[in-house]
Structures are given as C-alpha cells and as structure tokens.
Protein backbone atom coordinates (compact mmCIF):
# COMPACT_ATOMS: atom_id res chain seq x y z
CA UNK A 1 7.74 36.72 -4.81
CA UNK A 2 11.40 36.25 -5.70
CA UNK A 3 12.17 36.78 -9.36
CA UNK A 4 13.47 33.89 -11.45
CA UNK A 5 16.93 34.14 -12.93
CA UNK A 6 17.53 36.38 -15.88
CA UNK A 7 18.46 34.85 -19.21
CA UNK A 8 22.08 35.84 -18.68
CA UNK A 9 22.13 34.20 -15.24
CA UNK A 10 20.60 31.03 -16.62
CA UNK A 11 23.21 30.95 -19.42
CA UNK A 12 26.03 31.30 -16.89
CA UNK A 13 24.53 28.57 -14.72
CA UNK A 14 24.20 26.20 -17.68
CA UNK A 15 27.84 26.76 -18.56
CA UNK A 16 28.91 26.09 -14.96
CA UNK A 17 26.86 22.88 -14.74
CA UNK A 18 28.16 21.70 -18.12
CA UNK A 19 31.76 22.16 -17.01
CA UNK A 20 31.18 20.42 -13.67
CA UNK A 21 29.37 17.51 -15.36
CA UNK A 22 32.18 17.09 -17.86
CA UNK A 23 34.80 16.89 -15.11
CA UNK A 24 32.70 14.36 -13.17
CA UNK A 25 32.05 12.26 -16.28
CA UNK A 26 35.76 12.18 -17.10
CA UNK A 27 36.65 11.12 -13.55
CA UNK A 28 34.06 8.35 -13.57
CA UNK A 29 35.21 7.09 -16.97
CA UNK A 30 38.89 7.03 -15.97
CA UNK A 31 38.08 5.16 -12.76
CA UNK A 32 36.00 2.63 -14.72
CA UNK A 33 38.79 2.08 -17.26
CA UNK A 34 41.35 1.58 -14.53
CA UNK A 35 39.21 -0.93 -12.63
CA UNK A 36 38.36 -2.92 -15.77
CA UNK A 37 41.99 -2.91 -16.85
CA UNK A 38 42.93 -4.49 -13.52
CA UNK A 39 40.05 -6.98 -13.44
CA UNK A 40 37.62 -7.43 -16.32
CA UNK A 41 35.28 -9.41 -14.06
CA UNK A 42 34.67 -6.27 -11.97
CA UNK A 43 31.92 -5.22 -14.37
CA UNK A 44 29.20 -5.30 -11.67
CA UNK A 45 31.15 -2.91 -9.44
CA UNK A 46 31.90 -0.65 -12.39
CA UNK A 47 28.18 -0.48 -13.14
CA UNK A 48 27.53 0.76 -9.60
CA UNK A 49 30.36 3.26 -9.79
CA UNK A 50 29.04 4.65 -13.07
CA UNK A 51 25.52 4.77 -11.66
CA UNK A 52 26.72 6.69 -8.63
CA UNK A 53 28.71 9.08 -10.82
CA UNK A 54 25.69 9.62 -13.07
CA UNK A 55 23.63 10.39 -9.98
CA UNK A 56 26.17 12.99 -8.87
CA UNK A 57 25.96 14.64 -12.28
CA UNK A 58 22.17 14.48 -12.14
CA UNK A 59 22.08 15.95 -8.63
CA UNK A 60 24.10 18.88 -9.88
CA UNK A 61 21.67 19.43 -12.75
CA UNK A 62 18.67 19.11 -10.44
CA UNK A 63 20.15 21.51 -7.90
CA UNK A 64 20.85 24.05 -10.62
CA UNK A 65 17.33 23.72 -12.01
CA UNK A 66 15.83 24.28 -8.56
CA UNK A 67 18.09 27.30 -8.03
CA UNK A 68 16.43 29.03 -10.99
CA UNK A 69 13.22 29.20 -8.92
CA UNK A 70 14.80 31.73 -6.58
CA UNK A 71 14.60 31.63 -2.79
CA UNK A 72 10.84 31.87 -2.42
CA UNK A 73 10.90 35.36 -0.88
CA UNK A 74 7.46 36.97 -1.04
CA UNK A 75 7.55 40.12 1.11
CA UNK A 76 9.01 41.28 4.38
CA UNK A 77 6.03 40.20 6.52
CA UNK A 78 3.60 37.34 5.95
CA UNK A 79 0.30 36.70 7.77
CA UNK A 80 0.39 34.33 10.76
CA UNK A 81 -2.45 32.35 12.29
CA UNK A 82 -1.86 34.03 15.66
CA UNK A 83 -2.75 37.43 14.17
CA UNK A 84 0.77 38.80 14.26
CA UNK A 85 3.11 39.18 11.34
CA UNK A 86 5.58 36.47 10.35
CA UNK A 87 8.78 38.34 9.49
CA UNK A 88 11.45 37.49 6.97
CA UNK A 89 14.58 36.55 8.94
CA UNK A 90 17.17 35.51 6.36
CA UNK A 91 17.93 33.04 3.62
CA UNK A 92 18.65 29.60 5.02
CA UNK A 93 20.03 26.50 3.34
CA UNK A 94 18.86 22.94 3.78
CA UNK A 95 19.55 19.57 2.21
CA UNK A 96 16.92 17.46 0.50
CA UNK A 97 17.58 13.84 -0.46
CA UNK A 98 16.51 13.16 -4.05
CA UNK A 99 16.65 10.00 -6.14
CA UNK A 100 19.88 11.41 -7.55
CA UNK A 101 21.44 12.19 -4.20
CA UNK A 102 21.54 15.23 -1.93
CA UNK A 103 20.64 18.68 -3.29
CA UNK A 104 20.93 22.01 -1.52
CA UNK A 105 18.10 24.53 -1.35
CA UNK A 106 18.49 28.20 -0.43
CA UNK A 107 15.16 29.48 0.89
CA UNK A 108 13.73 32.61 2.43
CA UNK A 109 12.86 31.85 6.07
CA UNK A 110 10.05 33.55 8.01
CA UNK A 111 9.45 33.42 11.76
CA UNK A 112 6.80 34.73 14.17
CA UNK A 113 7.09 35.45 17.90
CA UNK A 114 4.43 32.78 18.53
CA UNK A 115 6.93 30.16 17.36
CA UNK A 116 5.46 29.55 13.90
CA UNK A 117 7.77 29.55 10.88
CA UNK A 118 7.53 29.18 7.12
CA UNK A 119 9.71 28.70 4.08
CA UNK A 120 7.45 29.37 1.07
CA UNK A 121 9.84 27.61 -1.31
CA UNK A 122 9.52 24.40 0.75
CA UNK A 123 5.76 24.65 0.39
CA UNK A 124 6.02 25.21 -3.33
CA UNK A 125 8.30 22.18 -3.76
CA UNK A 126 6.29 19.92 -1.44
CA UNK A 127 9.10 19.29 1.08
CA UNK A 128 7.63 20.80 4.25
CA UNK A 129 8.44 18.62 7.24
CA UNK A 130 10.44 16.06 5.25
CA UNK A 131 14.03 15.63 4.12
CA UNK A 132 13.02 13.56 1.09
CA UNK A 133 12.02 14.71 -2.38
CA UNK A 134 8.63 13.70 -3.83
CA UNK A 135 10.35 11.10 -6.02
CA UNK A 136 12.06 9.47 -3.05
CA UNK A 137 8.84 9.46 -1.04
CA UNK A 138 6.97 7.84 -3.93
CA UNK A 139 9.61 5.09 -4.04
CA UNK A 140 9.56 4.60 -0.26
CA UNK A 141 5.77 4.51 -0.17
CA UNK A 142 5.59 2.01 -3.00
CA UNK A 143 8.08 -0.31 -1.33
CA UNK A 144 6.57 0.23 2.11
CA UNK A 145 3.21 -0.87 0.78
CA UNK A 146 4.68 -3.95 -0.90
CA UNK A 147 7.37 -5.23 1.47
CA UNK A 148 8.27 -5.30 5.18
CA UNK A 149 10.04 -2.03 5.94
CA UNK A 150 13.52 -3.53 6.43
CA UNK A 151 13.24 -5.43 3.14
CA UNK A 152 11.97 -2.31 1.36
CA UNK A 153 14.86 -0.27 2.73
CA UNK A 154 17.40 -2.82 1.46
CA UNK A 155 15.75 -3.09 -1.94
CA UNK A 156 15.73 0.69 -2.36
CA UNK A 157 19.41 0.87 -1.48
CA UNK A 158 20.43 -1.99 -3.75
CA UNK A 159 18.54 -0.68 -6.77
CA UNK A 160 19.16 3.05 -6.43
CA UNK A 161 22.18 3.44 -4.16
CA UNK A 162 20.01 5.44 -1.78
CA UNK A 163 20.30 4.07 1.76
CA UNK A 164 17.94 5.32 4.45
CA UNK A 165 17.09 3.96 7.89
CA UNK A 166 14.33 1.42 8.45
CA UNK A 167 12.69 3.92 10.80
CA UNK A 168 12.61 6.60 8.09
CA UNK A 169 11.24 4.08 5.62
CA UNK A 170 8.42 3.22 8.02
CA UNK A 171 7.64 6.82 9.00
CA UNK A 172 7.48 8.06 5.39
CA UNK A 173 5.33 5.09 4.33
CA UNK A 174 2.91 5.55 7.22
CA UNK A 175 2.71 9.29 6.68
CA UNK A 176 1.67 8.82 3.06
CA UNK A 177 -0.78 6.09 4.05
CA UNK A 178 -2.35 8.17 6.84
CA UNK A 179 -2.82 11.09 4.46
CA UNK A 180 -4.44 8.79 1.90
CA UNK A 181 -6.71 7.28 4.56
CA UNK A 182 -7.93 10.72 5.61
CA UNK A 183 -8.88 11.80 2.09
CA UNK A 184 -12.41 11.43 0.78
CA UNK A 185 -12.45 8.90 -2.09
CA UNK A 186 -12.40 10.56 -5.48
CA UNK A 187 -15.29 9.53 -7.71
CA UNK A 188 -14.40 6.91 -10.30
CA UNK A 189 -17.70 6.83 -12.10
CA UNK A 190 -18.49 4.13 -14.57
CA UNK A 191 -19.24 5.57 -18.00
CA UNK A 192 -22.49 5.15 -19.91
CA UNK A 193 -25.47 3.06 -18.87
CA UNK A 194 -24.96 0.71 -15.95
CA UNK A 195 -26.78 -2.60 -15.97
CA UNK A 196 -25.72 -3.96 -12.59
CA UNK A 197 -23.88 -2.63 -9.57
CA UNK A 198 -22.48 -5.24 -7.19
CA UNK A 199 -21.61 -4.58 -3.55
CA UNK A 200 -19.46 -7.13 -1.73
CA UNK A 201 -18.16 -7.29 1.82
CA UNK A 202 -15.91 -9.56 3.80
CA UNK A 203 -13.67 -9.49 6.85
CA UNK A 204 -10.22 -10.83 7.65
CA UNK A 205 -8.11 -10.67 10.79
CA UNK A 206 -4.82 -8.78 11.14
CA UNK A 207 -2.34 -8.77 14.05
CA UNK A 208 -2.00 -5.63 16.18
CA UNK A 209 -0.14 -4.92 19.40
CA UNK A 210 -3.46 -5.15 21.23
CA UNK A 211 -4.41 -8.46 19.64
CA UNK A 212 -6.08 -9.53 16.41
CA UNK A 213 -8.43 -6.99 14.78
CA UNK A 214 -10.86 -7.50 11.94
CA UNK A 215 -10.23 -5.59 8.75
CA UNK A 216 -13.42 -5.18 6.77
CA UNK A 217 -13.06 -5.05 3.00
CA UNK A 218 -15.69 -3.52 0.74
CA UNK A 219 -15.94 -3.74 -3.04
CA UNK A 220 -18.21 -2.12 -5.58
CA UNK A 221 -18.11 -3.04 -9.25
CA UNK A 222 -20.28 -2.63 -12.31
CA UNK A 223 -21.11 -5.45 -14.70
CA UNK A 224 -23.11 -6.18 -17.82
CA UNK A 225 -24.06 -9.32 -19.70
CA UNK A 226 -21.66 -10.05 -22.52
CA UNK A 227 -22.30 -11.59 -25.92
CA UNK A 228 -21.63 -14.99 -24.38
CA UNK A 229 -24.53 -14.46 -21.99
CA UNK A 230 -22.24 -14.32 -18.97
CA UNK A 231 -21.74 -11.27 -16.73
CA UNK A 232 -18.53 -9.28 -17.24
CA UNK A 233 -16.99 -7.15 -14.49
CA UNK A 234 -16.07 -3.57 -15.37
CA UNK A 235 -15.33 -0.56 -13.12
CA UNK A 236 -14.16 -1.77 -9.69
CA UNK A 237 -13.36 0.10 -6.46
CA UNK A 238 -12.16 -1.19 -3.09
CA UNK A 239 -11.74 0.04 0.45
CA UNK A 240 -10.40 -1.67 3.57
CA UNK A 241 -10.27 -0.42 7.14
CA UNK A 242 -10.68 -1.38 10.78
CA UNK A 243 -14.32 -0.36 11.24
CA UNK A 244 -17.38 -1.39 13.19
CA UNK A 245 -20.36 -2.57 11.16
CA UNK A 246 -22.18 0.77 11.27
CA UNK A 247 -19.21 2.78 10.00
CA UNK A 248 -18.52 0.14 7.36
CA UNK A 249 -22.11 0.40 6.14
CA UNK A 250 -21.80 4.10 5.43
CA UNK A 251 -18.44 3.65 3.69
CA UNK A 252 -20.01 0.86 1.63
CA UNK A 253 -22.93 3.07 0.61
CA UNK A 254 -20.59 5.97 -0.25
CA UNK A 255 -18.49 3.62 -2.35
CA UNK A 256 -21.56 2.63 -4.35
CA UNK A 257 -22.35 6.31 -4.88
CA UNK A 258 -18.79 7.03 -6.01
CA UNK A 259 -18.92 4.26 -8.63
CA UNK A 260 -22.44 4.50 -10.01
CA UNK A 261 -24.51 7.14 -8.27
CA UNK A 262 -28.16 6.28 -8.84
CA UNK A 263 -27.68 5.03 -12.41
CA UNK A 264 -27.56 1.26 -11.92
CA UNK A 265 -30.55 -0.76 -13.13
CA UNK A 266 -30.02 -3.40 -10.48
CA UNK A 267 -28.19 -3.55 -7.17
CA UNK A 268 -26.74 -6.90 -6.12
CA UNK A 269 -25.21 -7.68 -2.73
CA UNK A 270 -22.90 -10.70 -2.63
CA UNK A 271 -21.64 -12.11 0.66
CA UNK A 272 -20.56 -15.21 2.50
CA UNK A 273 -23.72 -15.45 4.57
CA UNK A 274 -22.60 -13.38 7.58
CA UNK A 275 -25.65 -11.75 9.20
CA UNK A 276 -23.99 -8.33 9.51
CA UNK A 277 -23.71 -8.09 5.72
CA UNK A 278 -27.44 -8.63 5.17
CA UNK A 279 -28.33 -6.23 7.98
CA UNK A 280 -26.25 -3.50 6.34
CA UNK A 281 -27.73 -4.31 2.92
CA UNK A 282 -31.25 -3.94 4.31
CA UNK A 283 -30.34 -0.61 5.91
CA UNK A 284 -28.35 1.03 3.10
CA UNK A 285 -29.39 -0.85 -0.05
CA UNK A 286 -33.05 -1.75 0.28
CA UNK A 287 -34.41 -3.65 -2.70
CA UNK A 288 -31.02 -5.04 -3.69
CA UNK A 289 -30.83 -8.62 -4.91
CA UNK A 290 -29.06 -10.59 -2.16
CA UNK A 291 -26.89 -13.59 -3.09
CA UNK A 292 -24.87 -15.89 -0.84
CA UNK A 293 -21.52 -16.76 -2.39
CA UNK A 294 -21.85 -20.12 -4.15
CA UNK A 295 -18.50 -21.43 -2.99
CA UNK A 296 -19.19 -20.74 0.68
CA UNK A 297 -22.50 -22.60 0.38
CA UNK A 298 -20.85 -25.59 -1.29
CA UNK A 299 -18.10 -25.57 1.33
CA UNK A 300 -20.77 -25.92 4.03
CA UNK A 301 -22.10 -29.05 2.29
CA UNK A 302 -18.68 -30.68 2.18
CA UNK A 303 -18.14 -29.88 5.85
CA UNK A 304 -21.28 -31.83 6.73
CA UNK A 305 -20.43 -34.75 4.42
CA UNK A 306 -16.87 -35.12 5.71
CA UNK A 307 -17.95 -34.99 9.36
CA UNK A 308 -20.54 -37.71 8.84
CA UNK A 309 -18.58 -40.17 6.70
CA UNK A 310 -14.98 -38.99 6.76
CA UNK A 311 -13.02 -37.01 4.20
CA UNK A 312 -12.65 -38.86 0.90
CA UNK A 313 -15.23 -41.53 1.78
CA UNK A 314 -17.37 -42.59 -1.23
CA UNK A 315 -20.56 -42.03 0.75
CA UNK A 316 -19.47 -38.47 1.56
CA UNK A 317 -18.84 -37.78 -2.13
CA UNK A 318 -22.19 -39.23 -3.19
CA UNK A 319 -24.13 -37.22 -0.61
CA UNK A 320 -22.27 -33.99 -1.39
CA UNK A 321 -22.84 -34.37 -5.14
CA UNK A 322 -26.57 -34.90 -4.61
CA UNK A 323 -26.81 -31.95 -2.22
CA UNK A 324 -24.79 -29.75 -4.59
CA UNK A 325 -27.15 -30.63 -7.45
CA UNK A 326 -30.16 -29.42 -5.43
CA UNK A 327 -28.27 -26.25 -4.55
CA UNK A 328 -27.24 -25.55 -8.16
CA UNK A 329 -30.90 -25.69 -9.18
CA UNK A 330 -31.90 -23.38 -6.34
CA UNK A 331 -33.92 -26.19 -4.75
CA UNK A 332 -33.13 -25.20 -1.18
CA UNK A 333 -36.22 -26.94 0.22
CA UNK A 334 -35.10 -30.26 -1.26
CA UNK A 335 -31.63 -29.66 0.16
CA UNK A 336 -33.09 -28.98 3.62
CA UNK A 337 -35.06 -32.23 3.44
CA UNK A 338 -31.83 -34.04 2.56
CA UNK A 339 -30.10 -32.52 5.58
CA UNK A 340 -32.96 -33.39 7.94
CA UNK A 341 -32.81 -37.06 6.93
CA UNK A 342 -29.22 -37.36 8.14
CA UNK A 343 -28.45 -39.32 11.33
CA UNK A 344 -25.19 -37.90 12.68
CA UNK A 345 -23.50 -40.02 15.34
CA UNK A 346 -21.13 -37.56 17.00
CA UNK A 347 -21.80 -34.31 18.82
CA UNK A 348 -19.59 -32.45 16.32
CA UNK A 349 -21.52 -33.85 13.37
CA UNK A 350 -24.89 -33.11 15.00
CA UNK A 351 -23.81 -29.52 15.57
CA UNK A 352 -22.63 -29.17 11.94
CA UNK A 353 -25.95 -30.52 10.59
CA UNK A 354 -27.97 -28.27 12.89
CA UNK A 355 -25.98 -25.18 11.87
CA UNK A 356 -26.21 -26.13 8.18
CA UNK A 357 -30.00 -26.40 8.39
CA UNK A 358 -30.16 -22.94 9.94
CA UNK A 359 -27.71 -21.55 7.36
CA UNK A 360 -29.59 -22.81 4.32
CA UNK A 361 -33.02 -22.10 5.81
CA UNK A 362 -32.18 -18.49 6.69
CA UNK A 363 -30.56 -17.83 3.31
CA UNK A 364 -32.95 -19.76 1.06
CA UNK A 365 -33.97 -16.78 -1.09
CA UNK A 366 -30.32 -15.79 -1.45
CA UNK A 367 -29.51 -19.21 -2.92
CA UNK A 368 -31.78 -19.41 -5.95
CA UNK A 369 -28.70 -19.95 -8.07
CA UNK A 370 -30.41 -21.27 -11.16
CA UNK A 371 -32.59 -18.15 -11.33
CA UNK A 372 -29.58 -15.88 -10.70
CA UNK A 373 -27.56 -17.48 -13.48
CA UNK A 374 -30.46 -17.16 -15.90
CA UNK A 375 -30.62 -13.46 -15.00
CA UNK A 376 -26.95 -13.10 -15.92
CA UNK A 377 -25.73 -12.46 -12.37
CA UNK A 378 -22.49 -13.35 -10.65
CA UNK A 379 -22.91 -15.86 -7.83
CA UNK A 380 -19.32 -15.89 -6.52
CA UNK A 381 -17.67 -13.34 -4.23
CA UNK A 382 -14.09 -14.12 -5.23
CA UNK A 383 -13.40 -10.44 -5.97
CA UNK A 384 -13.67 -9.42 -2.32
CA UNK A 385 -11.88 -12.55 -1.09
CA UNK A 386 -8.99 -11.72 -3.42
CA UNK A 387 -9.01 -8.23 -1.92
CA UNK A 388 -8.69 -9.71 1.58
CA UNK A 389 -5.73 -11.77 0.44
CA UNK A 390 -3.90 -9.16 -1.60
CA UNK A 391 -4.57 -6.06 0.51
CA UNK A 392 -4.29 -7.60 3.97
CA UNK A 393 -2.81 -11.08 3.89
CA UNK A 394 0.21 -10.56 1.65
CA UNK A 395 1.57 -7.50 3.49
CA UNK A 396 0.10 -7.32 6.97
CA UNK A 397 0.23 -10.91 8.22
CA UNK A 398 3.93 -11.65 7.98
CA UNK A 399 5.73 -13.70 10.61
CA UNK A 400 6.23 -11.72 13.82
CA UNK A 401 4.31 -8.66 12.62
CA UNK A 402 2.41 -6.67 15.26
CA UNK A 403 0.98 -3.38 14.06
CA UNK A 404 -0.13 -0.27 15.85
CA UNK A 405 -3.67 0.55 14.80
CA UNK A 406 -2.50 3.72 13.03
CA UNK A 407 0.28 1.83 11.25
CA UNK A 408 -2.13 -0.90 10.17
CA UNK A 409 -4.58 1.60 8.72
CA UNK A 410 -1.81 3.55 7.00
CA UNK A 411 -0.42 0.50 5.22
CA UNK A 412 -3.95 -0.58 4.27
CA UNK A 413 -4.41 2.77 2.51
CA UNK A 414 -1.04 2.37 0.79
CA UNK A 415 -1.91 -1.14 -0.39
CA UNK A 416 -5.23 0.02 -1.83
CA UNK A 417 -3.61 2.88 -3.73
CA UNK A 418 -0.83 0.66 -5.09
CA UNK A 419 -3.02 -2.29 -6.07
CA UNK A 420 -6.13 -0.51 -7.30
CA UNK A 421 -5.08 3.11 -7.83
CA UNK A 422 -4.58 5.93 -8.06
CA UNK A 423 -0.81 5.55 -7.89
CA UNK A 424 1.50 7.47 -7.87
CA UNK A 425 -0.21 9.85 -5.47
CA UNK A 426 -0.10 13.62 -5.22
CA UNK A 427 2.45 14.04 -2.44
CA UNK A 428 1.63 17.72 -1.94
CA UNK A 429 -1.61 16.31 -0.51
CA UNK A 430 -0.60 12.86 0.68
CA UNK A 431 2.61 13.55 2.62
C-alpha cells in the first residue's frame, strides 16, 4: 500500500495550502469591499460571493488532506475475479464533486485483460462509480427523499452553490434508495421487559407508469401502561414496499422479530378490518389479540346513518350516537340488532346496511373495545395511517408523478430512512 506523506512533506503541503488560502481570502475580501462600496444593498450577492470563495478555500484544504493518503498503490498485480492478474497501469487523475466544490484525486489504476479495472483509493474513499463525494450524495439523497427531483436540485443549488442536473439528482437518490431497500433491516431491539408488541398493517395506492399499485405499510411498536393507566408507545419500526400479501406477511413477522424477538408478553394486531390482515395474523402471529381500528368502525356507522337520513340530519346523528355507544361498550350484538331494524329505502343504503352487518358480525371479537381499554390496549391504528401519509402520500403522489416500479421502491426506502432512521446512511454500503 502507498505510504502516507512524511512529516516534512506534510509541513510543506500545509505551508502551500496556507499561502493559497491567504491569497484567495484576500481576493474575496477585496471584491466584497469593492461591491459594497458601489452598492451597500448588494449584501445578498456579497454573501454568495464570500460563500463561494470560502468553498474554494475549503476545496483546496480538502484536496490537500486527501493527497496525504497517497495514490492507493498496493502492489504491481492484484487478484481478479477471472483468475488472471489485474496489473498496475499508471497513476490517473479524476475529479470528484464535494460540498466545497471540485477536488482532484490522483489514484493508482489497475486493469485486467478481461476488461475489469480497479482504483483502490476510490474504494477506500467510497467513490467507486460516482462523481460525487459522500457528503454530496447524503445531501442529494436527503432532498430526493423529501422533494420532487427538480425542486431538490434547485434547493441544493440555492443553498450550497452546487448545481447538478435533475437526472443526476434522480439517479443518485434512486441508487441510495435501491441499496437501502436491498439491505436486511438492522435490529432495533427494545430494551428491558416488553409488555406489549403491536403489529399494524395498511395499504395505500401510488401511481406508476403501469397504473396504480398498492404500497403496503407495516409497523411494529412496543408499548406499556403508564402511570395514568393509558398505553404509551415506545420503540417503533416501519417498512413500506410494493408486495403481495404473502411477502408482506414474512416482512411483517421479521419486523416483529427485529423489534422484540420473543420477549413480548402480549402480541396485538391492529387493522382496519381488511381480511388479508387477519389472514396474515393467523398465519404468522397465532394467539395475538386482534383489534379493528376504532375510527374505521365508527366511520362505517356514520356511512350508514348518512345514507339513510342524509348528512347532518338530526335523525342520522341520533342513530349514530346510539350505535357508537353500543360499540364503545363492546356490545356488538346490540349494535347488530340496531342495524337489522333499519329500513333502508334506496339500493345504495340497503347495500351499505348489508355490508355493515357483515363487517360488524365478522369482526365482533375484534371490537370488544371496553375490554381492550380496561386491559390498557391501544384501539386506534393512527400510527400506520400516518405512515401511509408521510412515507407515500407526501412524496410519491404529487401532481403528474408516474414512477417506475424500481424508482418507487427506491424512494420508499429513502423516505423510511429519512423519517424513521437510520439517517445519514453509510454510503460505502448504500451507494
């Protein structure tokens, strides 16, 4: 491996960088004084000029620091996957774009007759196959996960003075996201004893070039009863992907393992009443307490009331309040009797009543809300619904957006890392 600089070489380099920085600083200061002398209101432009000058000084310092690493030379021949030797050819220079501007790297270059090549210094610095430094890629990935790519590109340029193409912004963002999506989730185990482990699932649609696709969102979180007698959420993990129900089920189960292992006293599955959720719970989480989200159940009652009497009608309000009271006490049988006594007049209302009877009848044991509250359990699935909104809705459903499937999945992974961690990511792995 190439030797680092000697102490004397480092001293000479420091002196050279100091002199260069001093000249640059003087030039920037004189230009700022001249501009302000001509027009004191030009402060905003002077700020940008000083920022750019500071970046040039910083790029010189960064380039000098990287130069002390040497060229990355290891030996004359390196192993190659084809079985032949990869020979040292020469030192070659390249430019890498950093947050401070462009820096030059001088690296030992190896090549094999099979067409393979290597620059060990690039590998060491994490810039194989990219023209951007880790810091720039972190910034691009963060903005790409938060904003449409054109907006992110403009924001990066305005704030840092670093202007890249929209295409590069998209490619770097998707590359980081694809790498994140391919990694196994790192365990984020809750500490100490675990009273309850909740598993939640939901789905939301996202636009792709082939039409709308469902993104399934899974959540696992631990909770315990607080001093106030109410449950308090603690360690929380999310995932979101375009998956069929079977693949989702295994990811869901693995998420539960990553958060709590086998240490939870109780397992609770919370959902909106979709059959696929309960089927997966029965398969992967047998014995779990199953709870239908309270707000979805109440929403079903209001749907029936408004179709029968009209939205805002006093009779609709009276009926919904009575039905909601039965539901709050877990008296599903009384609620079903109330539904069966209705006399809907329209086909739409008859259908709504019929579906409501089936909904409450099939989920009766999942709606014993009074018992669940007394046991200190959550009865609302707002955590996963918020995940659908924040992970998918806010970034992936913008006007005119049509994603490739790979692009959709990449940005999903970026969103998850940004919103729920870990971020920043290790770019030697993730890009």
